[in-house]
Structures are given as C-alpha cells and as structure tokens.
Protein backbone atom coordinates (compact mmCIF):
# COMPACT_ATOMS: atom_id res chain seq x y z
CA MET A 1 2.01 -10.80 22.74
CA ALA A 2 0.10 -7.53 22.96
CA TYR A 3 0.36 -5.20 19.98
CA ALA A 4 -0.17 -1.47 20.43
CA PRO A 5 -2.55 0.30 18.03
CA PHE A 6 -0.93 2.04 15.10
CA PRO A 7 -0.29 5.65 16.17
CA MET A 8 -2.42 8.36 14.55
CA ILE A 9 -0.41 11.37 13.40
CA ASP A 10 -2.15 14.58 12.37
CA LEU A 11 -0.35 16.62 9.71
CA SER A 12 -1.10 20.09 8.34
CA GLY A 13 0.59 23.11 6.83
CA SER A 14 3.18 23.26 4.06
CA PRO A 15 4.82 20.06 2.78
CA ARG A 16 7.97 20.80 4.80
CA GLU A 17 5.91 21.50 7.93
CA ARG A 18 3.90 18.32 7.48
CA GLY A 19 7.11 16.37 7.14
CA ARG A 20 8.59 17.82 10.33
CA GLN A 21 5.40 16.99 12.24
CA HIS A 22 5.55 13.41 10.91
CA GLY A 23 9.21 12.97 11.81
CA LYS A 24 8.84 14.41 15.32
CA ALA A 25 5.84 12.20 16.05
CA ALA A 26 7.46 8.87 15.12
CA PRO A 27 11.26 9.12 15.31
CA GLU A 28 11.84 5.68 16.82
CA GLN A 29 9.57 3.89 14.36
CA ILE A 30 11.32 5.69 11.48
CA LYS A 31 14.79 4.81 12.76
CA ARG A 32 13.81 1.18 13.22
CA GLY A 33 12.46 1.01 9.68
CA ILE A 34 15.58 2.60 8.22
CA ALA A 35 17.78 0.13 10.09
CA MET A 36 15.72 -2.83 8.86
CA TYR A 37 15.90 -1.87 5.18
CA SER A 38 19.49 -0.60 5.22
CA GLU A 39 20.50 -4.01 6.60
CA SER A 40 18.75 -5.62 3.63
CA LEU A 41 20.64 -3.34 1.28
CA LEU A 42 23.94 -4.07 3.00
CA ALA A 43 23.31 -7.79 2.56
CA SER A 44 23.00 -7.07 -1.16
CA GLY A 45 26.27 -5.14 -1.27
CA VAL A 46 24.94 -1.59 -0.86
CA ASP A 47 26.58 0.29 2.01
CA TRP A 48 25.36 3.59 3.47
CA LYS A 49 27.50 5.73 1.20
CA GLU A 50 26.08 3.99 -1.87
CA LEU A 51 22.58 4.31 -0.42
CA GLU A 52 23.06 8.07 -0.16
CA ARG A 53 24.23 8.21 -3.76
CA ARG A 54 21.22 6.23 -4.96
CA ALA A 55 18.83 8.34 -2.88
CA GLU A 56 20.12 11.60 -4.38
CA ALA A 57 19.99 10.07 -7.86
CA MET A 58 16.24 9.50 -7.38
CA VAL A 59 15.53 13.12 -6.45
CA PRO A 60 15.24 14.53 -10.01
CA THR A 61 12.74 11.85 -11.00
CA ILE A 62 10.58 12.48 -7.93
CA GLU A 63 10.84 16.26 -8.32
CA GLY A 64 9.66 15.86 -11.91
CA PHE A 65 6.64 13.93 -10.64
CA ASP A 66 5.90 16.25 -7.69
CA ALA A 67 8.58 18.43 -6.07
CA THR A 68 6.51 18.83 -2.89
CA TYR A 69 7.12 15.17 -2.09
CA VAL A 70 10.86 15.80 -1.84
CA GLU A 71 10.15 18.77 0.43
CA GLU A 72 7.95 16.63 2.65
CA MET A 73 10.59 13.90 2.87
CA ARG A 74 13.26 16.45 3.81
CA GLY A 75 10.91 17.66 6.53
CA ILE A 76 10.45 14.11 7.85
CA ALA A 77 14.23 13.69 7.99
CA GLU A 78 14.57 16.95 9.92
CA GLY A 79 11.78 16.09 12.34
CA ALA A 80 13.11 12.60 13.09
CA ASN A 81 16.76 13.74 13.05
CA VAL A 82 17.76 11.13 10.47
CA PRO A 83 19.55 11.42 7.10
CA PHE A 84 17.43 12.25 4.06
CA ALA A 85 18.67 9.03 2.42
CA GLY A 86 16.92 7.06 5.14
CA ILE A 87 13.57 8.69 4.37
CA MET A 88 14.06 8.07 0.68
CA LEU A 89 14.67 4.44 1.59
CA MET A 90 11.39 4.32 3.53
CA ASN A 91 9.58 5.56 0.42
CA ALA A 92 11.50 3.61 -2.21
CA ARG A 93 12.49 0.49 -0.29
CA THR A 94 10.93 -1.88 -2.82
CA GLU A 95 12.75 -0.25 -5.71
CA MET A 96 16.07 0.09 -3.87
CA VAL A 97 16.18 -3.35 -2.26
CA SER A 98 14.78 -5.22 -5.26
CA ALA A 99 17.11 -3.51 -7.70
CA ALA A 100 20.10 -4.29 -5.50
CA ARG A 101 19.14 -7.94 -5.26
CA ARG A 102 18.55 -8.17 -8.99
CA GLN A 103 22.00 -6.76 -9.60
CA GLN A 104 23.38 -9.60 -7.50
CA ALA A 105 21.12 -12.09 -9.31
CA ALA A 106 19.64 -12.85 -5.90
CA LYS A 107 16.06 -13.83 -5.31
CA HIS A 108 13.58 -11.15 -4.38
CA PHE A 109 10.87 -11.98 -1.87
CA PRO A 110 7.93 -9.64 -2.37
CA ASP A 111 5.39 -8.62 0.19
CA GLY A 112 2.12 -10.45 -0.17
CA CYS A 113 -1.30 -8.91 0.44
CA THR A 114 -4.86 -9.94 -0.29
CA ALA A 115 -7.23 -7.08 -1.17
CA ALA A 116 -10.98 -6.93 -1.76
CA LEU A 117 -13.78 -4.46 -2.31
CA ALA A 118 -17.53 -4.57 -2.66
CA LEU A 119 -19.62 -2.10 -4.64
CA PRO A 120 -22.83 -0.74 -3.10
CA GLU A 121 -24.92 -3.32 -4.95
CA ALA A 122 -23.16 -6.10 -3.01
CA THR A 123 -23.27 -4.61 0.50
CA ALA A 124 -25.90 -4.71 3.21
CA ASP A 125 -26.45 -0.95 3.43
CA GLY A 126 -25.49 0.17 -0.08
CA VAL A 127 -22.15 1.63 1.01
CA LEU A 128 -18.91 0.68 -0.79
CA LEU A 129 -16.46 -1.39 1.28
CA HIS A 130 -12.71 -1.77 0.67
CA GLY A 131 -9.95 -3.56 2.57
CA GLN A 132 -6.85 -5.73 2.60
CA ASN A 133 -4.40 -7.85 4.52
CA TRP A 134 -0.87 -6.46 4.25
CA ASP A 135 1.70 -9.27 4.30
CA TRP A 136 5.25 -8.10 4.88
CA ARG A 137 7.99 -7.94 7.51
CA ALA A 138 6.62 -8.82 10.96
CA GLU A 139 8.46 -5.84 12.47
CA CYS A 140 6.17 -3.51 10.53
CA ALA A 141 3.35 -4.29 12.94
CA GLU A 142 5.34 -2.05 15.29
CA THR A 143 6.75 0.52 12.86
CA SER A 144 3.63 1.56 10.94
CA VAL A 145 1.38 4.57 11.53
CA VAL A 146 -1.82 6.18 10.29
CA LEU A 147 -1.47 9.70 8.87
CA ARG A 148 -4.37 12.15 8.82
CA ILE A 149 -3.29 14.85 6.39
CA ARG A 150 -5.16 18.16 6.35
CA ARG A 151 -4.71 19.81 2.97
CA ASP A 152 -5.47 23.30 1.68
CA ASP A 153 -5.26 22.31 -2.00
CA GLY A 154 -7.40 19.20 -2.22
CA PRO A 155 -9.10 16.42 -0.26
CA ASP A 156 -7.85 15.49 3.19
CA ILE A 157 -6.18 12.07 3.41
CA LEU A 158 -6.23 9.18 5.88
CA THR A 159 -3.47 6.70 5.04
CA PHE A 160 -1.89 3.65 6.66
CA THR A 161 1.83 3.53 5.95
CA GLU A 162 5.20 2.67 7.41
CA ALA A 163 6.51 5.53 9.54
CA GLY A 164 8.48 7.84 7.28
CA GLY A 165 6.39 6.93 4.22
CA LEU A 166 4.10 9.32 2.35
CA ALA A 167 1.29 6.81 1.70
CA ARG A 168 0.35 3.18 1.31
CA SER A 169 -3.33 2.26 1.68
CA GLY A 170 -6.13 4.58 2.67
CA LEU A 171 -8.92 6.93 1.71
CA ASN A 172 -9.62 10.61 1.24
CA SER A 173 -12.43 12.98 2.13
CA ALA A 174 -13.74 12.90 -1.46
CA GLY A 175 -14.52 9.18 -1.09
CA ILE A 176 -11.54 7.68 -2.94
CA GLY A 177 -10.17 4.40 -1.50
CA LEU A 178 -6.86 2.68 -2.29
CA THR A 179 -5.11 -0.60 -1.55
CA ALA A 180 -1.97 -2.05 -3.13
CA ASN A 181 -0.48 -5.52 -3.63
CA ALA A 182 2.87 -6.73 -4.92
CA LEU A 183 3.19 -8.23 -8.40
CA GLU A 184 6.25 -9.38 -10.34
CA CYS A 185 6.94 -9.86 -14.02
CA ASP A 186 9.82 -10.28 -16.45
CA ARG A 187 9.94 -6.54 -17.20
CA ASP A 188 10.78 -5.47 -13.65
CA TYR A 189 13.86 -3.34 -12.94
CA GLN A 190 15.03 -3.41 -16.55
CA ARG A 191 14.96 0.39 -16.89
CA GLY A 192 16.92 2.82 -14.78
CA VAL A 193 14.29 5.49 -14.26
CA GLY A 194 10.84 5.23 -12.71
CA VAL A 195 8.72 6.76 -9.98
CA PRO A 196 8.66 4.70 -6.74
CA LEU A 197 5.22 3.35 -5.96
CA PRO A 198 4.46 5.22 -2.68
CA PHE A 199 4.54 8.54 -4.56
CA ILE A 200 2.01 7.24 -7.10
CA ARG A 201 -0.21 6.04 -4.25
CA ARG A 202 0.00 9.42 -2.56
CA LYS A 203 -0.99 11.09 -5.84
CA VAL A 204 -4.00 8.77 -6.08
CA LEU A 205 -5.11 9.78 -2.59
CA GLU A 206 -4.77 13.47 -3.40
CA ALA A 207 -7.36 13.22 -6.20
CA GLU A 208 -10.88 14.60 -5.91
CA TYR A 209 -12.21 12.62 -8.89
CA LEU A 210 -11.84 8.94 -9.78
CA ALA A 211 -10.50 9.86 -13.22
CA LEU A 212 -7.76 11.98 -11.66
CA ALA A 213 -6.91 9.17 -9.26
CA VAL A 214 -6.51 6.72 -12.13
CA ARG A 215 -4.49 9.04 -14.38
CA PRO A 216 -1.09 8.76 -12.59
CA ILE A 217 -1.35 4.98 -12.62
CA PHE A 218 -1.53 4.91 -16.41
CA SER A 219 0.79 7.83 -17.11
CA THR A 220 3.72 7.15 -14.77
CA HIS A 221 6.65 4.90 -15.58
CA LYS A 222 7.54 2.53 -12.74
CA LEU A 223 10.58 0.42 -11.91
CA GLY A 224 8.70 -2.69 -10.80
CA SER A 225 5.25 -4.21 -11.04
CA ASN A 226 2.38 -3.61 -8.64
CA HIS A 227 -1.38 -3.91 -8.34
CA MET A 228 -3.57 -1.07 -7.09
CA ALA A 229 -7.31 -1.22 -6.42
CA ILE A 230 -9.03 2.17 -6.52
CA SER A 231 -12.60 2.77 -5.45
CA HIS A 232 -14.97 5.73 -5.27
CA CYS A 233 -17.81 5.78 -2.79
CA GLY A 234 -20.25 6.75 -5.55
CA GLY A 235 -20.18 3.14 -6.74
CA GLU A 236 -17.24 2.55 -9.09
CA ALA A 237 -13.99 0.65 -8.58
CA PHE A 238 -11.27 -0.96 -10.66
CA GLY A 239 -8.06 -2.91 -10.20
CA PHE A 240 -4.91 -1.93 -12.07
CA GLU A 241 -2.14 -4.43 -12.75
CA CYS A 242 0.94 -2.37 -13.47
CA ALA A 243 4.03 -3.52 -15.28
CA PRO A 244 6.81 -0.91 -15.37
CA ASP A 245 5.75 0.36 -18.79
CA GLU A 246 2.14 -0.80 -19.20
CA THR A 247 -1.04 -1.02 -17.13
CA PHE A 248 -3.92 -3.48 -17.44
CA TRP A 249 -7.28 -2.89 -15.77
CA VAL A 250 -9.77 -5.30 -14.22
CA ALA A 251 -13.40 -4.61 -13.28
CA PRO A 252 -15.34 -6.11 -10.35
CA GLU A 253 -17.57 -9.10 -11.11
CA ARG A 254 -21.17 -8.65 -9.94
CA GLY A 255 -20.04 -6.02 -7.48
CA ILE A 256 -17.11 -7.88 -5.91
CA TYR A 257 -13.38 -7.56 -6.60
CA VAL A 258 -10.52 -9.58 -5.09
CA HIS A 259 -6.82 -9.57 -5.88
CA ALA A 260 -3.82 -11.28 -4.30
CA ASN A 261 -0.29 -11.46 -5.77
CA HIS A 262 -0.62 -12.95 -9.23
CA TRP A 263 -1.69 -11.44 -12.54
CA ILE A 264 -5.35 -12.11 -13.34
CA SER A 265 -6.21 -9.84 -16.29
CA GLU A 266 -6.33 -11.70 -19.59
CA SER A 267 -4.38 -8.97 -21.35
CA GLY A 268 -1.70 -8.88 -18.68
CA ARG A 269 -1.27 -12.65 -18.59
CA ALA A 270 -0.95 -12.67 -22.38
CA LYS A 271 1.77 -10.03 -22.44
CA VAL A 272 3.94 -10.49 -19.35
CA LYS A 273 5.51 -13.47 -17.61
CA ASP A 274 4.40 -13.77 -13.99
CA THR A 275 7.66 -14.27 -12.08
CA GLY A 276 6.18 -13.91 -8.60
CA LEU A 277 4.14 -17.09 -8.27
CA GLN A 278 7.25 -19.20 -7.77
CA GLU A 279 7.74 -17.40 -4.45
CA THR A 280 4.08 -16.79 -3.53
CA PRO A 281 2.14 -19.79 -4.94
CA ASP A 282 -0.36 -19.45 -2.09
CA SER A 283 -1.62 -16.33 -3.87
CA ILE A 284 -3.85 -18.51 -6.06
CA TYR A 285 -5.89 -19.97 -3.24
CA ARG A 286 -5.80 -16.81 -1.10
CA ASP A 287 -7.58 -15.02 -3.94
CA LYS A 288 -10.04 -17.91 -4.37
CA ARG A 289 -10.92 -18.28 -0.71
CA VAL A 290 -11.55 -14.59 -0.08
CA ARG A 291 -13.55 -14.33 -3.31
CA GLU A 292 -15.74 -17.31 -2.41
CA SER A 293 -16.26 -16.09 1.16
CA LEU A 294 -17.47 -12.67 0.00
CA THR A 295 -19.47 -13.97 -2.98
CA ALA A 296 -21.53 -16.23 -0.69
CA LYS A 297 -22.84 -13.10 1.07
CA ARG A 298 -23.28 -10.84 -1.96
CA GLY A 299 -25.98 -8.26 -1.27
CA LYS A 300 -25.51 -8.54 2.50
CA LEU A 301 -21.80 -7.76 2.92
CA THR A 302 -20.50 -5.78 5.89
CA LEU A 303 -17.02 -5.00 7.17
CA ASP A 304 -17.43 -7.95 9.55
CA ASP A 305 -17.74 -10.22 6.51
CA PHE A 306 -14.50 -8.75 5.14
CA ARG A 307 -12.94 -9.32 8.55
CA GLU A 308 -14.02 -12.96 8.53
CA ALA A 309 -12.67 -13.50 5.00
CA PHE A 310 -9.33 -11.90 5.82
CA PHE A 311 -8.97 -13.96 9.03
CA ASP A 312 -9.03 -17.19 6.97
CA ASP A 313 -6.24 -19.48 8.22
CA TYR A 314 -6.45 -22.33 5.72
CA GLN A 315 -2.94 -23.79 5.20
CA THR A 316 -1.45 -21.56 7.88
CA PRO A 317 1.23 -20.12 7.91
CA TYR A 318 0.80 -19.89 4.10
CA SER A 319 -2.68 -18.50 4.54
CA VAL A 320 -4.77 -15.39 3.93
CA CYS A 321 -4.02 -14.38 7.52
CA ARG A 322 -0.41 -15.30 8.24
CA PRO A 323 1.30 -15.68 11.61
CA PRO A 324 5.01 -14.80 11.73
CA ARG A 325 7.29 -17.24 9.93
CA PRO A 326 10.77 -17.03 8.38
CA ASN A 327 10.95 -16.63 4.63
CA ASN A 328 13.67 -18.14 2.48
CA ARG A 329 16.01 -15.24 3.23
CA GLY A 330 15.60 -15.62 6.98
CA ALA A 331 13.41 -12.54 7.49
CA LEU A 332 10.34 -12.90 9.68
CA VAL A 333 7.21 -12.24 7.59
CA ALA A 334 3.53 -12.15 8.54
CA THR A 335 0.24 -10.42 7.92
CA SER A 336 1.46 -7.22 9.54
CA ALA A 337 -1.88 -5.43 9.36
CA MET A 338 -5.52 -5.84 8.37
CA ILE A 339 -7.14 -2.67 7.04
CA LEU A 340 -10.90 -2.20 6.54
CA MET A 341 -12.50 0.92 5.06
CA ARG A 342 -15.80 2.65 4.34
CA PRO A 343 -14.47 5.50 2.15
CA ALA A 344 -17.80 7.36 2.07
CA ASP A 345 -17.73 7.73 5.85
CA GLY A 346 -14.02 8.46 6.24
CA HIS A 347 -13.83 5.24 8.29
CA LEU A 348 -10.67 3.11 8.49
CA GLU A 349 -10.06 0.24 10.91
CA ALA A 350 -6.62 -1.32 11.37
CA CYS A 351 -5.39 -4.30 13.36
CA PRO A 352 -1.68 -5.06 13.82
CA MET A 353 -0.61 -8.71 13.45
CA PRO A 354 -4.17 -10.06 13.09
CA ALA A 355 -3.12 -13.73 13.26
CA LEU A 356 -2.10 -13.12 16.88
CA ASN A 357 -4.22 -10.12 17.80
CA ARG A 358 -7.88 -9.35 17.12
CA LYS A 359 -7.99 -5.77 18.43
CA PHE A 360 -8.95 -3.14 15.84
CA THR A 361 -8.59 0.61 16.20
CA THR A 362 -10.87 2.96 14.27
CA TYR A 363 -9.43 6.06 12.59
CA THR A 364 -11.66 8.70 11.08
CA LEU A 365 -11.61 11.53 8.60
CA THR A 366 -14.44 14.03 8.13
CA PRO A 367 -15.99 13.25 4.72
CA ASP A 368 -16.57 16.06 2.24
CA ARG A 369 -20.13 15.22 1.21
CA THR A 370 -20.23 17.98 -1.38
CA ALA A 371 -17.11 16.67 -3.12
CA GLN A 372 -18.38 13.10 -2.91
CA LYS A 373 -21.69 14.07 -4.47
CA GLN A 374 -20.12 16.15 -7.24
CA ALA A 375 -17.72 13.36 -8.12
CA ALA A 376 -20.58 10.87 -8.26
CA GLU A 377 -22.78 12.97 -10.56
C-alpha cells in the first residue's frame, strides 16, 4: 500500500487565526481522528454529551496553563467545522480515554515509541541528532500532519502531530528538539486535575532556552505518566520520566540516549511501580537493540544510522519497527511514523508506516542562528 507524505501546514498570525488555518487545511484528517477516539470513549461508556461536559471541564485548567491554547483550539474547530469538544479530544485523548477506561477498571493499551538522540561528540559531523519511532493506531499514518508555526513572540516551530493537535514531536528555530514516549505507573489518573501532555510539549517547543523548555516539565501537574527527551543543538540533552506529580531526569551516556516505554531512572524505579511493562514487555529489548546499534557507531553517527536502528524488525510484529497488528482491544496498531531530526538545521524527516513504506519526506524550518548561539553560550 502506498502512503502519502504527511501534509505540511503553514500557520501564522494570532492563536485564533493559526487555529482556523490548521482546521481549514486538514478537515478530513481531523474528523477521522475525532471519530476514532470518540468511538474509543463510547466503548468505555462516554457518549458525546459526556465528552462535551468533560471537554469544557478541562478548559479552566488549560487556560490557567496558557489561555492562547484554548483560543487556538477554538480556531481549529471553526476552521474544520467540528465541535470544540472534538478538538479537545484530539489534544487530550490520552487523558480522556485512559481515565474513562480506568473508571471502568478496563485495561489501557498505551502507545509505544522508541526514541534516541546523539550529542555532537557521538555524531559524524558534530551536529546533534534526535529521532523516534511513534507506535500507535495504524490509522494515524493517514491522519497526522506537520505544522510549521511562524511566531511573533518566540521561536518558530516545526512539529509532527495528529491533525487537530497543537504539538507532539518536533523542533524549533532556536535549536530545541523534542520527542515523547508513553509510560505508566501506579500514580496515574488518581488526581482529577492536570494539564494534558500535548500542551506541555507545545510549551517546550515555544522555548528559546533549554532551561525554559525544561521548566514546564518539572512545574506542571499531569494526569498520567510520560517520558520526554529534550535536546538543544548546542550539545546538551536530557530525558525526563514524568509521573503525574514528580519528574525524574536521565542524562545521555557517552553522548547517546535511548528510551522506550519502561522506567529506567534509578530514582523513578525506586519510587513508582511500572504498570506498563505488562502490556509492552517488548520495550526492554527495543531499548537495548537501538542502544546497541547506535553505540557501535559512536563518533560516526548519522541520520542514516538512526534510520537503520529504527527499522530493526527483530521479533516482528513486536519489534522496534512494527507492521500493523491488532492489539488486545482489537485496534490496529503499528509504527505509524518514523521521525528524524537535526534541530540545528531546522531539518525534520518523516516516514508514514515505515514497516511497509520506506519513503521519507523532508520538512524544513529556517534556523535562528543568533538564538542558537546565544542559548549555547
């Protein structure tokens, strides 16, 4: 099957204007995503009326974090001609669906993902590299987009996300890079209030300095667990394992960092119970195989080496690069996208459904060399 490249959508202007541009550019992808996740909610006993109630209940929390995000989501709804609750669902689907399933005492099946980065000391040309495989619903290979956001109040952003979402993985013109992976622990969804993860990721990508990118990760209460890897082209990067109320950080080892879907920090493993490995036990060897593949080429790494590591098909379909297969709830899951980045150059490559398709599309953002240099000094 041929997979079309992820559409590039250029956004500019006020938050509401950016949202309208987003919605108008991808209405069918947005509607398909809303239908997919609203069906999941319905299966957990949440009908559309209840979804609207839950969406509005989240507004004060998000406005307290950043009111412009609510404006942008309302703009997306207007542009795509869909209800606002549907756009909230596209930005808080993990929190909404997981919370609903927990309320039913049903199993939650998280998205996977294997992420990696290499500091300049480990690469062939001294440029930081960052990338990931995104493992989730197979349909998302056809409902995701790349947003290029022109901003007047900070760095421009290039982000891969599901249509209707504000951010997922990506980079900015100041040289910040971001990827995210699912985690689970025994503290998840125990508290009623928290900021959904896509808004935290968007805040990371709006930052000009690494310190400002890290701050919202530590300072923001979340509903569920997650891992985020943040890099800066000047040569620093860290991974952050986030429980809802506490964050643990992990540093690269000899210039290389890899993370899949289990807790690896000593402090995190000592304090939380990893409840995700029972559903994603392959995470252990996915991490190991990517790490070993990259470590063998330390000092000579290129994006092609990342590509090779992420294409690993050992134990397929429970592999680093996964072809479509049903999960235990009957949903079709796969590696929906492979994303490779050189944040210093504003360079992002993305390939939909890489287990079945090897065609990458390159997306670019003009780097702000002055901002990159100032942040590195």
